[in-house]
PDB file of N, CA and C in Angstrom:
ATOM      1  N   MET A   1       7.306  12.617   5.645  1.00  0.00           N
ATOM      2  CA  MET A   1       8.183  12.518   4.501  1.00  0.00           C
ATOM      3  C   MET A   1       7.517  11.717   3.371  1.00  0.00           C
ATOM      4  N   VAL A   2       6.879  10.613   3.751  1.00  0.00           N
ATOM      5  CA  VAL A   2       6.232   9.756   2.757  1.00  0.00           C
ATOM      6  C   VAL A   2       5.069  10.484   2.093  1.00  0.00           C
ATOM      7  N   ALA A   3       4.271  11.175   2.883  1.00  0.00           N
ATOM      8  CA  ALA A   3       3.109  11.880   2.326  1.00  0.00           C
ATOM      9  C   ALA A   3       3.534  12.981   1.364  1.00  0.00           C
ATOM     10  N   LEU A   4       4.598  13.693   1.697  1.00  0.00           N
ATOM     11  CA  LEU A   4       5.087  14.746   0.792  1.00  0.00           C
ATOM     12  C   LEU A   4       5.671  14.152  -0.486  1.00  0.00           C
ATOM     13  N   SER A   5       6.380  13.048  -0.374  1.00  0.00           N
ATOM     14  CA  SER A   5       6.957  12.399  -1.550  1.00  0.00           C
ATOM     15  C   SER A   5       5.890  11.737  -2.414  1.00  0.00           C
ATOM     16  N   TYR A   6       4.764  11.420  -1.825  1.00  0.00           N
ATOM     17  CA  TYR A   6       3.658  10.757  -2.532  1.00  0.00           C
ATOM     18  C   TYR A   6       3.032  11.682  -3.582  1.00  0.00           C
ATOM     19  N   ILE A   7       3.078  12.971  -3.327  1.00  0.00           N
ATOM     20  CA  ILE A   7       2.455  13.949  -4.227  1.00  0.00           C
ATOM     21  C   ILE A   7       3.121  13.960  -5.598  1.00  0.00           C
ATOM     22  N   GLY A   8       4.433  13.790  -5.646  1.00  0.00           N
ATOM     23  CA  GLY A   8       5.170  13.850  -6.911  1.00  0.00           C
ATOM     24  C   GLY A   8       4.752  12.810  -7.935  1.00  0.00           C
ATOM     25  N   PRO A   9       4.848  11.523  -7.625  1.00  0.00           N
ATOM     26  CA  PRO A   9       4.487  10.506  -8.622  1.00  0.00           C
ATOM     27  C   PRO A   9       2.997  10.493  -8.975  1.00  0.00           C
ATOM     28  N   VAL A  10       2.135  10.783  -8.007  1.00  0.00           N
ATOM     29  CA  VAL A  10       0.694  10.700  -8.259  1.00  0.00           C
ATOM     30  C   VAL A  10       0.184  11.936  -8.981  1.00  0.00           C
ATOM     31  N   GLU A  11       0.740  13.098  -8.696  1.00  0.00           N
ATOM     32  CA  GLU A  11       0.418  14.383  -9.309  1.00  0.00           C
ATOM     33  C   GLU A  11      -1.000  14.847  -9.029  1.00  0.00           C
ATOM     34  N   ASP A  12      -1.986  14.245  -9.655  1.00  0.00           N
ATOM     35  CA  ASP A  12      -3.374  14.662  -9.490  1.00  0.00           C
ATOM     36  C   ASP A  12      -4.186  13.474  -8.977  1.00  0.00           C
ATOM     37  N   PRO A  13      -4.790  13.572  -7.800  1.00  0.00           N
ATOM     38  CA  PRO A  13      -5.516  12.420  -7.260  1.00  0.00           C
ATOM     39  C   PRO A  13      -6.778  12.073  -8.048  1.00  0.00           C
ATOM     40  N   HIS A  14      -7.287  12.993  -8.817  1.00  0.00           N
ATOM     41  CA  HIS A  14      -8.531  12.747  -9.545  1.00  0.00           C
ATOM     42  C   HIS A  14      -8.318  12.036 -10.877  1.00  0.00           C
ATOM     43  N   ARG A  15      -7.073  11.819 -11.260  1.00  0.00           N
ATOM     44  CA  ARG A  15      -6.848  11.096 -12.512  1.00  0.00           C
ATOM     45  C   ARG A  15      -7.023   9.591 -12.341  1.00  0.00           C
ATOM     46  N   PHE A  16      -7.076   9.127 -11.092  1.00  0.00           N
ATOM     47  CA  PHE A  16      -7.347   7.720 -10.807  1.00  0.00           C
ATOM     48  C   PHE A  16      -8.801   7.589 -10.385  1.00  0.00           C
ATOM     49  N   LYS A  17      -9.521   6.716 -11.061  1.00  0.00           N
ATOM     50  CA  LYS A  17     -10.939   6.561 -10.775  1.00  0.00           C
ATOM     51  C   LYS A  17     -11.160   5.933  -9.398  1.00  0.00           C
ATOM     52  N   ARG A  18     -10.303   4.959  -9.056  1.00  0.00           N
ATOM     53  CA  ARG A  18     -10.409   4.277  -7.773  1.00  0.00           C
ATOM     54  C   ARG A  18      -9.056   4.348  -7.064  1.00  0.00           C
ATOM     55  N   SER A  19      -9.096   4.341  -5.756  1.00  0.00           N
ATOM     56  CA  SER A  19      -7.859   4.417  -4.974  1.00  0.00           C
ATOM     57  C   SER A  19      -6.992   3.180  -5.158  1.00  0.00           C
ATOM     58  N   ARG A  20      -7.603   2.040  -5.430  1.00  0.00           N
ATOM     59  CA  ARG A  20      -6.850   0.803  -5.619  1.00  0.00           C
ATOM     60  C   ARG A  20      -5.913   0.858  -6.814  1.00  0.00           C
ATOM     61  N   THR A  21      -6.254   1.627  -7.826  1.00  0.00           N
ATOM     62  CA  THR A  21      -5.417   1.673  -9.026  1.00  0.00           C
ATOM     63  C   THR A  21      -4.097   2.400  -8.789  1.00  0.00           C
ATOM     64  N   VAL A  22      -4.001   3.182  -7.726  1.00  0.00           N
ATOM     65  CA  VAL A  22      -2.748   3.856  -7.405  1.00  0.00           C
ATOM     66  C   VAL A  22      -1.688   2.827  -7.017  1.00  0.00           C
ATOM     67  N   ALA A  23      -2.085   1.789  -6.307  1.00  0.00           N
ATOM     68  CA  ALA A  23      -1.136   0.747  -5.913  1.00  0.00           C
ATOM     69  C   ALA A  23      -0.568   0.037  -7.146  1.00  0.00           C
ATOM     70  N   ALA A  24      -1.392  -0.183  -8.143  1.00  0.00           N
ATOM     71  CA  ALA A  24      -0.900  -0.788  -9.384  1.00  0.00           C
ATOM     72  C   ALA A  24       0.007   0.184 -10.125  1.00  0.00           C
ATOM     73  N   TYR A  25      -0.325   1.454 -10.107  1.00  0.00           N
ATOM     74  CA  TYR A  25       0.497   2.478 -10.758  1.00  0.00           C
ATOM     75  C   TYR A  25       1.886   2.556 -10.127  1.00  0.00           C
ATOM     76  N   LEU A  26       1.960   2.357  -8.829  1.00  0.00           N
ATOM     77  CA  LEU A  26       3.238   2.403  -8.127  1.00  0.00           C
ATOM     78  C   LEU A  26       3.972   1.064  -8.132  1.00  0.00           C
ATOM     79  N   GLY A  27       3.352   0.028  -8.676  1.00  0.00           N
ATOM     80  CA  GLY A  27       4.014  -1.270  -8.786  1.00  0.00           C
ATOM     81  C   GLY A  27       3.925  -2.121  -7.546  1.00  0.00           C
ATOM     82  N   LEU A  28       2.900  -1.947  -6.743  1.00  0.00           N
ATOM     83  CA  LEU A  28       2.750  -2.708  -5.505  1.00  0.00           C
ATOM     84  C   LEU A  28       1.717  -3.816  -5.594  1.00  0.00           C
ATOM     85  N   THR A  29       1.292  -4.161  -6.791  1.00  0.00           N
ATOM     86  CA  THR A  29       0.347  -5.263  -6.965  1.00  0.00           C
ATOM     87  C   THR A  29       1.047  -6.418  -7.667  1.00  0.00           C
ATOM     88  N   PRO A  30       0.582  -7.653  -7.463  1.00  0.00           N
ATOM     89  CA  PRO A  30       1.253  -8.797  -8.079  1.00  0.00           C
ATOM     90  C   PRO A  30       1.026  -8.859  -9.590  1.00  0.00           C
ATOM     91  N   ARG A  31       2.049  -9.342 -10.280  1.00  0.00           N
ATOM     92  CA  ARG A  31       1.917  -9.576 -11.722  1.00  0.00           C
ATOM     93  C   ARG A  31       1.085 -10.822 -11.940  1.00  0.00           C
ATOM     94  N   ARG A  32       0.327 -10.832 -13.004  1.00  0.00           N
ATOM     95  CA  ARG A  32      -0.510 -11.985 -13.332  1.00  0.00           C
ATOM     96  C   ARG A  32       0.129 -12.760 -14.471  1.00  0.00           C
ATOM     97  N   PHE A  33       0.181 -14.063 -14.334  1.00  0.00           N
ATOM     98  CA  PHE A  33       0.656 -14.946 -15.389  1.00  0.00           C
ATOM     99  C   PHE A  33      -0.513 -15.826 -15.784  1.00  0.00           C
ATOM    100  N   GLN A  34      -1.025 -15.609 -16.999  1.00  0.00           N
ATOM    101  CA  GLN A  34      -2.190 -16.347 -17.467  1.00  0.00           C
ATOM    102  C   GLN A  34      -1.900 -16.958 -18.828  1.00  0.00           C
ATOM    103  N   SER A  35      -2.239 -18.240 -18.944  1.00  0.00           N
ATOM    104  CA  SER A  35      -2.111 -18.936 -20.212  1.00  0.00           C
ATOM    105  C   SER A  35      -3.017 -20.148 -20.166  1.00  0.00           C
ATOM    106  N   GLY A  36      -3.989 -20.171 -21.034  1.00  0.00           N
ATOM    107  CA  GLY A  36      -4.926 -21.300 -21.045  1.00  0.00           C
ATOM    108  C   GLY A  36      -5.651 -21.402 -19.720  1.00  0.00           C
ATOM    109  N   GLU A  37      -5.463 -22.514 -19.041  1.00  0.00           N
ATOM    110  CA  GLU A  37      -6.119 -22.721 -17.758  1.00  0.00           C
ATOM    111  C   GLU A  37      -5.250 -22.273 -16.585  1.00  0.00           C
ATOM    112  N   THR A  38      -4.023 -21.879 -16.850  1.00  0.00           N
ATOM    113  CA  THR A  38      -3.111 -21.443 -15.808  1.00  0.00           C
ATOM    114  C   THR A  38      -3.351 -19.977 -15.474  1.00  0.00           C
ATOM    115  N   ASP A  39      -3.495 -19.695 -14.201  1.00  0.00           N
ATOM    116  CA  ASP A  39      -3.661 -18.328 -13.726  1.00  0.00           C
ATOM    117  C   ASP A  39      -2.997 -18.230 -12.362  1.00  0.00           C
ATOM    118  N   ARG A  40      -1.840 -17.574 -12.296  1.00  0.00           N
ATOM    119  CA  ARG A  40      -1.161 -17.440 -11.018  1.00  0.00           C
ATOM    120  C   ARG A  40      -0.646 -16.021 -10.846  1.00  0.00           C
ATOM    121  N   ALA A  41      -0.498 -15.651  -9.596  1.00  0.00           N
ATOM    122  CA  ALA A  41       0.030 -14.335  -9.261  1.00  0.00           C
ATOM    123  C   ALA A  41       1.517 -14.480  -8.951  1.00  0.00           C
ATOM    124  N   GLY A  42       2.302 -13.580  -9.471  1.00  0.00           N
ATOM    125  CA  GLY A  42       3.739 -13.609  -9.242  1.00  0.00           C
ATOM    126  C   GLY A  42       4.157 -12.559  -8.230  1.00  0.00           C
ATOM    127  N   ALA A  43       5.386 -12.101  -8.371  1.00  0.00           N
ATOM    128  CA  ALA A  43       5.911 -11.045  -7.502  1.00  0.00           C
ATOM    129  C   ALA A  43       5.296  -9.705  -7.910  1.00  0.00           C
ATOM    130  N   ILE A  44       5.579  -8.656  -7.153  1.00  0.00           N
ATOM    131  CA  ILE A  44       5.026  -7.348  -7.492  1.00  0.00           C
ATOM    132  C   ILE A  44       5.579  -6.890  -8.844  1.00  0.00           C
ATOM    133  N   SER A  45       4.822  -6.065  -9.521  1.00  0.00           N
ATOM    134  CA  SER A  45       5.171  -5.677 -10.890  1.00  0.00           C
ATOM    135  C   SER A  45       6.342  -4.701 -10.956  1.00  0.00           C
ATOM    136  N   ARG A  46       6.583  -3.937  -9.909  1.00  0.00           N
ATOM    137  CA  ARG A  46       7.657  -2.941  -9.850  1.00  0.00           C
ATOM    138  C   ARG A  46       7.544  -1.869 -10.939  1.00  0.00           C
ATOM    139  N   ALA A  47       6.338  -1.607 -11.380  1.00  0.00           N
ATOM    140  CA  ALA A  47       6.103  -0.504 -12.317  1.00  0.00           C
ATOM    141  C   ALA A  47       6.088   0.789 -11.508  1.00  0.00           C
ATOM    142  N   GLY A  48       6.339   1.883 -12.141  1.00  0.00           N
ATOM    143  CA  GLY A  48       6.252   3.160 -11.453  1.00  0.00           C
ATOM    144  C   GLY A  48       7.540   3.581 -10.769  1.00  0.00           C
ATOM    145  N   ASP A  49       7.404   4.475  -9.831  1.00  0.00           N
ATOM    146  CA  ASP A  49       8.534   5.121  -9.173  1.00  0.00           C
ATOM    147  C   ASP A  49       9.153   4.223  -8.096  1.00  0.00           C
ATOM    148  N   PRO A  50      10.404   3.774  -8.282  1.00  0.00           N
ATOM    149  CA  PRO A  50      11.026   2.903  -7.284  1.00  0.00           C
ATOM    150  C   PRO A  50      11.306   3.613  -5.948  1.00  0.00           C
ATOM    151  N   ALA A  51      11.585   4.907  -5.984  1.00  0.00           N
ATOM    152  CA  ALA A  51      11.833   5.639  -4.739  1.00  0.00           C
ATOM    153  C   ALA A  51      10.561   5.703  -3.891  1.00  0.00           C
ATOM    154  N   MET A  52       9.415   5.908  -4.525  1.00  0.00           N
ATOM    155  CA  MET A  52       8.152   5.962  -3.788  1.00  0.00           C
ATOM    156  C   MET A  52       7.816   4.600  -3.200  1.00  0.00           C
ATOM    157  N   ARG A  53       8.069   3.553  -3.968  1.00  0.00           N
ATOM    158  CA  ARG A  53       7.839   2.194  -3.486  1.00  0.00           C
ATOM    159  C   ARG A  53       8.710   1.915  -2.257  1.00  0.00           C
ATOM    160  N   THR A  54       9.953   2.358  -2.289  1.00  0.00           N
ATOM    161  CA  THR A  54      10.865   2.173  -1.163  1.00  0.00           C
ATOM    162  C   THR A  54      10.374   2.938   0.064  1.00  0.00           C
ATOM    163  N   LEU A  55       9.939   4.168  -0.123  1.00  0.00           N
ATOM    164  CA  LEU A  55       9.430   4.960   0.998  1.00  0.00           C
ATOM    165  C   LEU A  55       8.194   4.323   1.632  1.00  0.00           C
ATOM    166  N   LEU A  56       7.292   3.815   0.798  1.00  0.00           N
ATOM    167  CA  LEU A  56       6.102   3.154   1.326  1.00  0.00           C
ATOM    168  C   LEU A  56       6.457   1.878   2.071  1.00  0.00           C
ATOM    169  N   TYR A  57       7.442   1.132   1.562  1.00  0.00           N
ATOM    170  CA  TYR A  57       7.894  -0.082   2.235  1.00  0.00           C
ATOM    171  C   TYR A  57       8.507   0.261   3.589  1.00  0.00           C
ATOM    172  N   GLU A  58       9.316   1.309   3.636  1.00  0.00           N
ATOM    173  CA  GLU A  58       9.920   1.731   4.900  1.00  0.00           C
ATOM    174  C   GLU A  58       8.853   2.200   5.884  1.00  0.00           C
ATOM    175  N   ALA A  59       7.840   2.890   5.395  1.00  0.00           N
ATOM    176  CA  ALA A  59       6.740   3.323   6.268  1.00  0.00           C
ATOM    177  C   ALA A  59       5.986   2.110   6.814  1.00  0.00           C
ATOM    178  N   ALA A  60       5.823   1.085   5.988  1.00  0.00           N
ATOM    179  CA  ALA A  60       5.167  -0.139   6.447  1.00  0.00           C
ATOM    180  C   ALA A  60       6.006  -0.829   7.524  1.00  0.00           C
ATOM    181  N   CYS A  61       7.319  -0.806   7.357  1.00  0.00           N
ATOM    182  CA  CYS A  61       8.211  -1.376   8.378  1.00  0.00           C
ATOM    183  C   CYS A  61       8.050  -0.645   9.701  1.00  0.00           C
ATOM    184  N   VAL A  62       7.946   0.660   9.647  1.00  0.00           N
ATOM    185  CA  VAL A  62       7.774   1.459  10.871  1.00  0.00           C
ATOM    186  C   VAL A  62       6.439   1.145  11.526  1.00  0.00           C
ATOM    187  N   VAL A  63       5.388   1.046  10.725  1.00  0.00           N
ATOM    188  CA  VAL A  63       4.063   0.755  11.278  1.00  0.00           C
ATOM    189  C   VAL A  63       4.053  -0.605  11.964  1.00  0.00           C
ATOM    190  N   LEU A  64       4.687  -1.593  11.352  1.00  0.00           N
ATOM    191  CA  LEU A  64       4.628  -2.946  11.901  1.00  0.00           C
ATOM    192  C   LEU A  64       5.668  -3.236  12.976  1.00  0.00           C
ATOM    193  N   ARG A  65       6.795  -2.555  12.943  1.00  0.00           N
ATOM    194  CA  ARG A  65       7.874  -2.908  13.872  1.00  0.00           C
ATOM    195  C   ARG A  65       8.155  -1.866  14.947  1.00  0.00           C
ATOM    196  N   ARG A  66       7.975  -0.595  14.666  1.00  0.00           N
ATOM    197  CA  ARG A  66       8.416   0.452  15.584  1.00  0.00           C
ATOM    198  C   ARG A  66       7.289   1.102  16.378  1.00  0.00           C
ATOM    199  N   CYS A  67       6.095   1.153  15.842  1.00  0.00           N
ATOM    200  CA  CYS A  67       4.992   1.844  16.528  1.00  0.00           C
ATOM    201  C   CYS A  67       4.533   1.045  17.741  1.00  0.00           C
ATOM    202  N   SER A  68       4.523   1.703  18.889  1.00  0.00           N
ATOM    203  CA  SER A  68       4.045   1.034  20.098  1.00  0.00           C
ATOM    204  C   SER A  68       2.541   1.248  20.293  1.00  0.00           C
ATOM    205  N   ARG A  69       2.016   2.250  19.624  1.00  0.00           N
ATOM    206  CA  ARG A  69       0.588   2.555  19.715  1.00  0.00           C
ATOM    207  C   ARG A  69      -0.171   1.664  18.726  1.00  0.00           C
ATOM    208  N   PRO A  70      -1.091   0.835  19.198  1.00  0.00           N
ATOM    209  CA  PRO A  70      -1.787  -0.088  18.287  1.00  0.00           C
ATOM    210  C   PRO A  70      -2.731   0.634  17.329  1.00  0.00           C
ATOM    211  N   SER A  71      -2.868   0.063  16.143  1.00  0.00           N
ATOM    212  CA  SER A  71      -3.793   0.582  15.138  1.00  0.00           C
ATOM    213  C   SER A  71      -4.374  -0.600  14.368  1.00  0.00           C
ATOM    214  N   PRO A  72      -5.523  -0.405  13.733  1.00  0.00           N
ATOM    215  CA  PRO A  72      -6.099  -1.489  12.934  1.00  0.00           C
ATOM    216  C   PRO A  72      -5.181  -1.940  11.797  1.00  0.00           C
ATOM    217  N   LEU A  73      -4.461  -1.001  11.196  1.00  0.00           N
ATOM    218  CA  LEU A  73      -3.537  -1.359  10.117  1.00  0.00           C
ATOM    219  C   LEU A  73      -2.407  -2.232  10.650  1.00  0.00           C
ATOM    220  N   GLN A  74      -1.928  -1.923  11.829  1.00  0.00           N
ATOM    221  CA  GLN A  74      -0.861  -2.714  12.441  1.00  0.00           C
ATOM    222  C   GLN A  74      -1.362  -4.122  12.784  1.00  0.00           C
ATOM    223  N   GLU A  75      -2.567  -4.236  13.309  1.00  0.00           N
ATOM    224  CA  GLU A  75      -3.146  -5.548  13.621  1.00  0.00           C
ATOM    225  C   GLU A  75      -3.299  -6.381  12.353  1.00  0.00           C
ATOM    226  N   TRP A  76      -3.780  -5.751  11.292  1.00  0.00           N
ATOM    227  CA  TRP A  76      -3.962  -6.443  10.019  1.00  0.00           C
ATOM    228  C   TRP A  76      -2.616  -6.928   9.480  1.00  0.00           C
ATOM    229  N   GLY A  77      -1.596  -6.071   9.551  1.00  0.00           N
ATOM    230  CA  GLY A  77      -0.270  -6.423   9.072  1.00  0.00           C
ATOM    231  C   GLY A  77       0.366  -7.537   9.881  1.00  0.00           C
ATOM    232  N   ARG A  78       0.188  -7.520  11.181  1.00  0.00           N
ATOM    233  CA  ARG A  78       0.751  -8.579  12.023  1.00  0.00           C
ATOM    234  C   ARG A  78       0.066  -9.915  11.767  1.00  0.00           C
ATOM    235  N   ALA A  79      -1.217  -9.897  11.479  1.00  0.00           N
ATOM    236  CA  ALA A  79      -1.901 -11.141  11.107  1.00  0.00           C
ATOM    237  C   ALA A  79      -1.351 -11.673   9.781  1.00  0.00           C
ATOM    238  N   LEU A  80      -1.040 -10.766   8.859  1.00  0.00           N
ATOM    239  CA  LEU A  80      -0.442 -11.185   7.592  1.00  0.00           C
ATOM    240  C   LEU A  80       0.955 -11.761   7.784  1.00  0.00           C
ATOM    241  N   ILE A  81       1.714 -11.219   8.717  1.00  0.00           N
ATOM    242  CA  ILE A  81       3.051 -11.757   8.994  1.00  0.00           C
ATOM    243  C   ILE A  81       2.950 -13.213   9.427  1.00  0.00           C
ATOM    244  N   GLU A  82       1.966 -13.529  10.232  1.00  0.00           N
ATOM    245  CA  GLU A  82       1.777 -14.912  10.682  1.00  0.00           C
ATOM    246  C   GLU A  82       1.444 -15.840   9.519  1.00  0.00           C
ATOM    247  N   ARG A  83       0.646 -15.352   8.578  1.00  0.00           N
ATOM    248  CA  ARG A  83       0.201 -16.189   7.455  1.00  0.00           C
ATOM    249  C   ARG A  83       1.185 -16.236   6.306  1.00  0.00           C
ATOM    250  N   LEU A  84       1.722 -15.065   5.906  1.00  0.00           N
ATOM    251  CA  LEU A  84       2.490 -14.963   4.671  1.00  0.00           C
ATOM    252  C   LEU A  84       3.992 -14.800   4.858  1.00  0.00           C
ATOM    253  N   GLY A  85       4.397 -14.324   6.004  1.00  0.00           N
ATOM    254  CA  GLY A  85       5.795 -14.017   6.221  1.00  0.00           C
ATOM    255  C   GLY A  85       6.001 -12.512   6.264  1.00  0.00           C
ATOM    256  N   SER A  86       7.160 -12.128   6.747  1.00  0.00           N
ATOM    257  CA  SER A  86       7.431 -10.720   7.017  1.00  0.00           C
ATOM    258  C   SER A  86       7.483  -9.853   5.763  1.00  0.00           C
ATOM    259  N   LYS A  87       8.229 -10.266   4.747  1.00  0.00           N
ATOM    260  CA  LYS A  87       8.419  -9.416   3.576  1.00  0.00           C
ATOM    261  C   LYS A  87       7.134  -9.219   2.782  1.00  0.00           C
ATOM    262  N   ARG A  88       6.376 -10.270   2.597  1.00  0.00           N
ATOM    263  CA  ARG A  88       5.106 -10.132   1.872  1.00  0.00           C
ATOM    264  C   ARG A  88       4.120  -9.263   2.638  1.00  0.00           C
ATOM    265  N   ALA A  89       4.121  -9.402   3.948  1.00  0.00           N
ATOM    266  CA  ALA A  89       3.231  -8.573   4.768  1.00  0.00           C
ATOM    267  C   ALA A  89       3.630  -7.106   4.682  1.00  0.00           C
ATOM    268  N   MET A  90       4.920  -6.829   4.639  1.00  0.00           N
ATOM    269  CA  MET A  90       5.384  -5.438   4.519  1.00  0.00           C
ATOM    270  C   MET A  90       4.918  -4.825   3.199  1.00  0.00           C
ATOM    271  N   VAL A  91       5.017  -5.590   2.120  1.00  0.00           N
ATOM    272  CA  VAL A  91       4.570  -5.088   0.818  1.00  0.00           C
ATOM    273  C   VAL A  91       3.057  -4.873   0.828  1.00  0.00           C
ATOM    274  N   ALA A  92       2.319  -5.773   1.465  1.00  0.00           N
ATOM    275  CA  ALA A  92       0.861  -5.619   1.537  1.00  0.00           C
ATOM    276  C   ALA A  92       0.483  -4.367   2.334  1.00  0.00           C
ATOM    277  N   VAL A  93       1.177  -4.107   3.418  1.00  0.00           N
ATOM    278  CA  VAL A  93       0.900  -2.901   4.213  1.00  0.00           C
ATOM    279  C   VAL A  93       1.317  -1.652   3.443  1.00  0.00           C
ATOM    280  N   ALA A  94       2.406  -1.728   2.688  1.00  0.00           N
ATOM    281  CA  ALA A  94       2.825  -0.592   1.859  1.00  0.00           C
ATOM    282  C   ALA A  94       1.759  -0.289   0.807  1.00  0.00           C
ATOM    283  N   ARG A  95       1.201  -1.329   0.197  1.00  0.00           N
ATOM    284  CA  ARG A  95       0.122  -1.144  -0.777  1.00  0.00           C
ATOM    285  C   ARG A  95      -1.091  -0.491  -0.112  1.00  0.00           C
ATOM    286  N   LYS A  96      -1.437  -0.970   1.074  1.00  0.00           N
ATOM    287  CA  LYS A  96      -2.577  -0.416   1.804  1.00  0.00           C
ATOM    288  C   LYS A  96      -2.333   1.050   2.160  1.00  0.00           C
ATOM    289  N   LEU A  97      -1.102   1.389   2.533  1.00  0.00           N
ATOM    290  CA  LEU A  97      -0.775   2.788   2.829  1.00  0.00           C
ATOM    291  C   LEU A  97      -0.939   3.670   1.597  1.00  0.00           C
ATOM    292  N   ALA A  98      -0.521   3.166   0.432  1.00  0.00           N
ATOM    293  CA  ALA A  98      -0.676   3.938  -0.811  1.00  0.00           C
ATOM    294  C   ALA A  98      -2.151   4.198  -1.099  1.00  0.00           C
ATOM    295  N   VAL A  99      -2.979   3.195  -0.881  1.00  0.00           N
ATOM    296  CA  VAL A  99      -4.414   3.334  -1.134  1.00  0.00           C
ATOM    297  C   VAL A  99      -5.036   4.317  -0.137  1.00  0.00           C
ATOM    298  N   ILE A 100      -4.651   4.210   1.134  1.00  0.00           N
ATOM    299  CA  ILE A 100      -5.196   5.105   2.161  1.00  0.00           C
ATOM    300  C   ILE A 100      -4.774   6.547   1.899  1.00  0.00           C
ATOM    301  N   LEU A 101      -3.494   6.753   1.549  1.00  0.00           N
ATOM    302  CA  LEU A 101      -3.020   8.107   1.250  1.00  0.00           C
ATOM    303  C   LEU A 101      -3.791   8.728   0.088  1.00  0.00           C
ATOM    304  N   HIS A 102      -4.030   7.944  -0.948  1.00  0.00           N
ATOM    305  CA  HIS A 102      -4.780   8.474  -2.099  1.00  0.00           C
ATOM    306  C   HIS A 102      -6.211   8.822  -1.705  1.00  0.00           C
ATOM    307  N   HIS A 103      -6.833   7.941  -0.955  1.00  0.00           N
ATOM    308  CA  HIS A 103      -8.213   8.173  -0.546  1.00  0.00           C
ATOM    309  C   HIS A 103      -8.318   9.440   0.316  1.00  0.00           C
ATOM    310  N   MET A 104      -7.376   9.609   1.240  1.00  0.00           N
ATOM    311  CA  MET A 104      -7.385  10.799   2.088  1.00  0.00           C
ATOM    312  C   MET A 104      -7.145  12.064   1.275  1.00  0.00           C
ATOM    313  N   TRP A 105      -6.231  12.004   0.328  1.00  0.00           N
ATOM    314  CA  TRP A 105      -5.894  13.169  -0.494  1.00  0.00           C
ATOM    315  C   TRP A 105      -7.056  13.557  -1.389  1.00  0.00           C
ATOM    316  N   ARG A 106      -7.688  12.552  -2.015  1.00  0.00           N
ATOM    317  CA  ARG A 106      -8.786  12.837  -2.935  1.00  0.00           C
ATOM    318  C   ARG A 106      -9.999  13.406  -2.211  1.00  0.00           C
ATOM    319  N   ASP A 107     -10.354  12.835  -1.068  1.00  0.00           N
ATOM    320  CA  ASP A 107     -11.549  13.273  -0.349  1.00  0.00           C
ATOM    321  C   ASP A 107     -11.290  14.404   0.634  1.00  0.00           C
ATOM    322  N   GLY A 108     -10.024  14.646   0.961  1.00  0.00           N
ATOM    323  CA  GLY A 108      -9.695  15.687   1.922  1.00  0.00           C
ATOM    324  C   GLY A 108     -10.000  15.297   3.351  1.00  0.00           C
ATOM    325  N   THR A 109     -10.099  14.004   3.633  1.00  0.00           N
ATOM    326  CA  THR A 109     -10.391  13.549   4.984  1.00  0.00           C
ATOM    327  C   THR A 109      -9.128  13.600   5.840  1.00  0.00           C
ATOM    328  N   PRO A 110      -9.241  13.997   7.094  1.00  0.00           N
ATOM    329  CA  PRO A 110      -8.066  14.041   7.975  1.00  0.00           C
ATOM    330  C   PRO A 110      -7.689  12.636   8.451  1.00  0.00           C
ATOM    331  N   PHE A 111      -6.450  12.488   8.864  1.00  0.00           N
ATOM    332  CA  PHE A 111      -5.964  11.214   9.370  1.00  0.00           C
ATOM    333  C   PHE A 111      -6.498  10.978  10.766  1.00  0.00           C
ATOM    334  N   GLN A 112      -7.010   9.752  11.014  1.00  0.00           N
ATOM    335  CA  GLN A 112      -7.475   9.352  12.338  1.00  0.00           C
ATOM    336  C   GLN A 112      -6.784   8.056  12.689  1.00  0.00           C
ATOM    337  N   TRP A 113      -5.989   8.064  13.733  1.00  0.00           N
ATOM    338  CA  TRP A 113      -5.135   6.931  14.078  1.00  0.00           C
ATOM    339  C   TRP A 113      -5.925   5.648  14.308  1.00  0.00           C
ATOM    340  N   GLY A 114      -6.980   5.708  15.059  1.00  0.00           N
ATOM    341  CA  GLY A 114      -7.703   4.493  15.436  1.00  0.00           C
ATOM    342  C   GLY A 114      -8.806   4.098  14.482  1.00  0.00           C
ATOM    343  N   ALA A 115      -9.008   4.846  13.394  1.00  0.00           N
ATOM    344  CA  ALA A 115     -10.126   4.549  12.484  1.00  0.00           C
ATOM    345  C   ALA A 115      -9.837   3.305  11.668  1.00  0.00           C
ATOM    346  N   ARG A 116     -10.828   2.494  11.492  1.00  0.00           N
ATOM    347  CA  ARG A 116     -10.699   1.292  10.658  1.00  0.00           C
ATOM    348  C   ARG A 116     -10.669   1.708   9.210  1.00  0.00           C
ATOM    349  N   ALA A 117      -9.720   1.167   8.459  1.00  0.00           N
ATOM    350  CA  ALA A 117      -9.588   1.473   7.031  1.00  0.00           C
ATOM    351  C   ALA A 117     -10.562   0.596   6.262  1.00  0.00           C
ATOM    352  N   ALA A 118     -11.560   1.206   5.654  1.00  0.00           N
ATOM    353  CA  ALA A 118     -12.557   0.472   4.891  1.00  0.00           C
ATOM    354  C   ALA A 118     -12.169   0.392   3.424  1.00  0.00           C
ATOM    355  N   ILE A 119     -10.917   0.697   3.129  1.00  0.00           N
ATOM    356  CA  ILE A 119     -10.443   0.726   1.752  1.00  0.00           C
ATOM    357  C   ILE A 119      -9.746  -0.582   1.451  1.00  0.00           C
ATOM    358  N   ALA A 120     -10.103  -1.197   0.348  1.00  0.00           N
ATOM    359  CA  ALA A 120      -9.449  -2.472  -0.004  1.00  0.00           C
ATOM    360  C   ALA A 120      -8.134  -2.145  -0.531  1.00  0.00           C
TER     361      ALA A 120
END
């Protein structure tokens, strides 16, 4: 469901030069507050399609809470839960899913459950 819904907001995978920029387009990256010497990251920007953001967040919840089959993405997300807390880790995994989906769509690579995601 998430992969099919992902096609609508992104439209053409080649319009993004890097896969990381899709996460910013969907509003899953932190806002920057900069003034003089102050530079801090805030909450996510919430730019883009809110329905797609919700679907990615729900997919991240499933990956971290419901999947019994281990994966590198799940291990990474669980380590983030220990450090950052549950909600921030879910958003980080949702961002990672958006980047992975774009990379797979652009390159035409098939999904491999146990493969390590080398995408930032």
